[in-house]
C-alpha atoms as a PDB file:
ATOM      1  CA  UNK A   1       6.923   7.000 -10.042  1.00  0.00           C
ATOM      2  CA  UNK A   2       6.548  10.520 -11.038  1.00  0.00           C
ATOM      3  CA  UNK A   3       7.543  13.018  -8.436  1.00  0.00           C
ATOM      4  CA  UNK A   4       4.992  15.625  -9.689  1.00  0.00           C
ATOM      5  CA  UNK A   5       2.168  13.178  -9.444  1.00  0.00           C
ATOM      6  CA  UNK A   6       3.289  11.989  -5.702  1.00  0.00           C
ATOM      7  CA  UNK A   7       3.947  15.922  -4.648  1.00  0.00           C
ATOM      8  CA  UNK A   8       0.571  16.567  -5.586  1.00  0.00           C
ATOM      9  CA  UNK A   9      -1.162  13.285  -4.244  1.00  0.00           C
ATOM     10  CA  UNK A  10       0.544  14.187  -0.744  1.00  0.00           C
ATOM     11  CA  UNK A  11      -1.126  17.847  -1.122  1.00  0.00           C
ATOM     12  CA  UNK A  12      -4.586  16.558  -1.377  1.00  0.00           C
ATOM     13  CA  UNK A  13      -3.953  14.182   1.551  1.00  0.00           C
ATOM     14  CA  UNK A  14      -2.621  17.346   3.456  1.00  0.00           C
ATOM     15  CA  UNK A  15      -5.879  18.750   2.656  1.00  0.00           C
ATOM     16  CA  UNK A  16      -7.970  15.896   3.837  1.00  0.00           C
ATOM     17  CA  UNK A  17      -6.159  15.819   7.113  1.00  0.00           C
ATOM     18  CA  UNK A  18      -6.427  19.636   7.603  1.00  0.00           C
ATOM     19  CA  UNK A  19      -2.520  20.048   7.531  1.00  0.00           C
ATOM     20  CA  UNK A  20      -1.824  23.285   5.843  1.00  0.00           C
ATOM     21  CA  UNK A  21       1.839  22.696   6.097  1.00  0.00           C
ATOM     22  CA  UNK A  22       1.725  19.504   3.838  1.00  0.00           C
ATOM     23  CA  UNK A  23      -0.707  21.233   1.440  1.00  0.00           C
ATOM     24  CA  UNK A  24       1.600  23.834   0.907  1.00  0.00           C
ATOM     25  CA  UNK A  25       4.941  21.722   0.501  1.00  0.00           C
ATOM     26  CA  UNK A  26       4.726  21.918  -3.249  1.00  0.00           C
ATOM     27  CA  UNK A  27       4.244  25.646  -3.151  1.00  0.00           C
ATOM     28  CA  UNK A  28       7.132  27.943  -4.052  1.00  0.00           C
ATOM     29  CA  UNK A  29       7.631  31.736  -3.753  1.00  0.00           C
ATOM     30  CA  UNK A  30       6.981  31.659  -7.360  1.00  0.00           C
ATOM     31  CA  UNK A  31       3.715  29.469  -7.597  1.00  0.00           C
ATOM     32  CA  UNK A  32       1.121  31.193  -9.402  1.00  0.00           C
ATOM     33  CA  UNK A  33      -2.270  30.123  -7.827  1.00  0.00           C
ATOM     34  CA  UNK A  34      -5.462  30.923  -9.821  1.00  0.00           C
ATOM     35  CA  UNK A  35      -9.008  30.749  -8.484  1.00  0.00           C
ATOM     36  CA  UNK A  36     -11.799  30.949 -11.135  1.00  0.00           C
ATOM     37  CA  UNK A  37     -13.439  34.316 -12.359  1.00  0.00           C
ATOM     38  CA  UNK A  38     -16.625  34.350 -10.328  1.00  0.00           C
ATOM     39  CA  UNK A  39     -15.268  32.131  -7.500  1.00  0.00           C
ATOM     40  CA  UNK A  40     -15.181  34.057  -4.115  1.00  0.00           C
ATOM     41  CA  UNK A  41     -11.599  34.078  -3.948  1.00  0.00           C
ATOM     42  CA  UNK A  42     -11.045  34.920  -7.641  1.00  0.00           C
ATOM     43  CA  UNK A  43      -7.805  35.897  -8.831  1.00  0.00           C
ATOM     44  CA  UNK A  44      -4.037  35.060  -9.023  1.00  0.00           C
ATOM     45  CA  UNK A  45      -1.873  34.515  -5.962  1.00  0.00           C
ATOM     46  CA  UNK A  46       1.732  34.071  -6.090  1.00  0.00           C
ATOM     47  CA  UNK A  47       3.613  32.490  -3.245  1.00  0.00           C
ATOM     48  CA  UNK A  48       2.445  30.592  -0.028  1.00  0.00           C
ATOM     49  CA  UNK A  49       1.776  33.768   2.013  1.00  0.00           C
ATOM     50  CA  UNK A  50      -0.474  35.240  -0.632  1.00  0.00           C
ATOM     51  CA  UNK A  51      -1.868  31.670  -1.272  1.00  0.00           C
ATOM     52  CA  UNK A  52      -2.817  31.306   2.331  1.00  0.00           C
ATOM     53  CA  UNK A  53      -4.284  34.618   3.079  1.00  0.00           C
ATOM     54  CA  UNK A  54      -6.172  35.000  -0.433  1.00  0.00           C
ATOM     55  CA  UNK A  55      -7.552  31.601  -0.189  1.00  0.00           C
ATOM     56  CA  UNK A  56      -7.249  29.156   2.656  1.00  0.00           C
ATOM     57  CA  UNK A  57      -7.580  31.527   5.397  1.00  0.00           C
ATOM     58  CA  UNK A  58     -10.561  33.022   3.802  1.00  0.00           C
ATOM     59  CA  UNK A  59     -12.206  29.604   3.262  1.00  0.00           C
ATOM     60  CA  UNK A  60     -11.335  28.586   7.099  1.00  0.00           C
ATOM     61  CA  UNK A  61     -13.352  31.847   8.377  1.00  0.00           C
ATOM     62  CA  UNK A  62     -16.349  31.822   6.220  1.00  0.00           C
ATOM     63  CA  UNK A  63     -17.205  28.032   5.603  1.00  0.00           C
ATOM     64  CA  UNK A  64     -18.240  25.273   8.000  1.00  0.00           C
ATOM     65  CA  UNK A  65     -17.093  21.829   6.782  1.00  0.00           C
ATOM     66  CA  UNK A  66     -15.798  23.313   3.283  1.00  0.00           C
ATOM     67  CA  UNK A  67     -14.108  20.002   1.880  1.00  0.00           C
ATOM     68  CA  UNK A  68     -12.621  18.679  -1.505  1.00  0.00           C
ATOM     69  CA  UNK A  69     -13.541  15.322  -2.139  1.00  0.00           C
ATOM     70  CA  UNK A  70     -10.963  14.075  -4.736  1.00  0.00           C
ATOM     71  CA  UNK A  71     -12.408  11.629  -7.044  1.00  0.00           C
ATOM     72  CA  UNK A  72      -9.559  11.116  -9.457  1.00  0.00           C
ATOM     73  CA  UNK A  73      -5.807  12.156  -9.950  1.00  0.00           C
ATOM     74  CA  UNK A  74      -4.460  12.215 -13.499  1.00  0.00           C
ATOM     75  CA  UNK A  75      -0.790  11.759 -13.984  1.00  0.00           C
ATOM     76  CA  UNK A  76       0.199  13.891 -17.115  1.00  0.00           C
ATOM     77  CA  UNK A  77       3.820  14.086 -16.472  1.00  0.00           C
ATOM     78  CA  UNK A  78       4.402  17.739 -16.000  1.00  0.00           C
ATOM     79  CA  UNK A  79       0.659  18.216 -15.627  1.00  0.00           C
ATOM     80  CA  UNK A  80      -1.315  16.947 -12.841  1.00  0.00           C
ATOM     81  CA  UNK A  81      -5.183  17.142 -12.703  1.00  0.00           C
ATOM     82  CA  UNK A  82      -7.423  16.645  -9.644  1.00  0.00           C
ATOM     83  CA  UNK A  83     -11.211  15.982 -10.479  1.00  0.00           C
ATOM     84  CA  UNK A  84     -13.509  16.140  -7.390  1.00  0.00           C
ATOM     85  CA  UNK A  85     -16.302  18.217  -5.832  1.00  0.00           C
ATOM     86  CA  UNK A  86     -16.209  21.059  -3.254  1.00  0.00           C
ATOM     87  CA  UNK A  87     -18.745  21.316  -0.625  1.00  0.00           C
ATOM     88  CA  UNK A  88     -19.831  23.154   2.723  1.00  0.00           C
ATOM     89  CA  UNK A  89     -21.904  25.444   4.318  1.00  0.00           C
ATOM     90  CA  UNK A  90     -21.541  29.308   4.040  1.00  0.00           C
ATOM     91  CA  UNK A  91     -21.552  30.615   7.678  1.00  0.00           C
ATOM     92  CA  UNK A  92     -23.194  33.963   6.969  1.00  0.00           C
ATOM     93  CA  UNK A  93     -26.041  32.525   4.836  1.00  0.00           C
ATOM     94  CA  UNK A  94     -26.297  28.795   6.509  1.00  0.00           C
ATOM     95  CA  UNK A  95     -26.584  27.800   2.826  1.00  0.00           C
ATOM     96  CA  UNK A  96     -24.906  24.332   1.583  1.00  0.00           C
ATOM     97  CA  UNK A  97     -22.893  24.358  -1.626  1.00  0.00           C
ATOM     98  CA  UNK A  98     -21.952  20.940  -3.753  1.00  0.00           C
ATOM     99  CA  UNK A  99     -19.935  21.915  -6.774  1.00  0.00           C
ATOM    100  CA  UNK A 100     -17.736  19.797  -9.066  1.00  0.00           C
ATOM    101  CA  UNK A 101     -14.491  21.096  -9.610  1.00  0.00           C
ATOM    102  CA  UNK A 102     -11.029  20.457 -11.810  1.00  0.00           C
ATOM    103  CA  UNK A 103      -7.706  21.456 -10.595  1.00  0.00           C
ATOM    104  CA  UNK A 104      -4.621  21.808 -13.201  1.00  0.00           C
ATOM    105  CA  UNK A 105      -1.394  21.860 -11.915  1.00  0.00           C
ATOM    106  CA  UNK A 106       1.743  22.617 -13.840  1.00  0.00           C
ATOM    107  CA  UNK A 107       4.817  20.966 -12.085  1.00  0.00           C
ATOM    108  CA  UNK A 108       8.477  20.716 -12.496  1.00  0.00           C
ATOM    109  CA  UNK A 109      10.584  18.527 -10.013  1.00  0.00           C
ATOM    110  CA  UNK A 110       7.835  17.987  -7.513  1.00  0.00           C
ATOM    111  CA  UNK A 111       7.046  21.999  -7.331  1.00  0.00           C
ATOM    112  CA  UNK A 112       3.933  23.712  -8.444  1.00  0.00           C
ATOM    113  CA  UNK A 113       4.693  26.297 -11.355  1.00  0.00           C
ATOM    114  CA  UNK A 114       1.127  26.993 -11.434  1.00  0.00           C
ATOM    115  CA  UNK A 115      -2.377  25.852 -10.248  1.00  0.00           C
ATOM    116  CA  UNK A 116      -5.820  26.769 -12.115  1.00  0.00           C
ATOM    117  CA  UNK A 117      -9.243  26.024 -10.637  1.00  0.00           C
ATOM    118  CA  UNK A 118     -12.205  25.205 -12.801  1.00  0.00           C
ATOM    119  CA  UNK A 119     -15.484  24.886 -10.977  1.00  0.00           C
ATOM    120  CA  UNK A 120     -19.117  25.976 -11.196  1.00  0.00           C
ATOM    121  CA  UNK A 121     -19.222  29.191  -9.713  1.00  0.00           C
ATOM    122  CA  UNK A 122     -22.601  29.984  -9.898  1.00  0.00           C
ATOM    123  CA  UNK A 123     -23.299  27.039  -7.555  1.00  0.00           C
ATOM    124  CA  UNK A 124     -20.618  28.279  -5.021  1.00  0.00           C
ATOM    125  CA  UNK A 125     -21.833  31.870  -5.460  1.00  0.00           C
ATOM    126  CA  UNK A 126     -25.434  30.945  -4.681  1.00  0.00           C
ATOM    127  CA  UNK A 127     -24.399  29.602  -1.128  1.00  0.00           C
ATOM    128  CA  UNK A 128     -22.986  33.118  -0.304  1.00  0.00           C
ATOM    129  CA  UNK A 129     -26.103  35.043  -1.448  1.00  0.00           C
END
């Protein structure tokens, strides 16, 4: 059993359960988390505090029902890939969004070295305008 795969599988289970502590379990003070250019929270955040403040707190404040539906988790050893769909309703506009997404995790010993998001930022931005 791949420890890296299991750590990210648990991360997504935590996301489904709205359990921030479980989601952050594979994140370290050195984890570089990159949200794609064009995404509302674009940029790279390093460490749990920056990731929570820059991404998860903002999503919680700005969206209703924001979810990632994970459809596939690919075990590439030290590279784990999650494929799914984001959805939610942007509170300020009341507009719904649904966008395909790919997450690429670089891992070592069950801890995230980096996370990078790839999504159709135009679909997400349309809900916020």
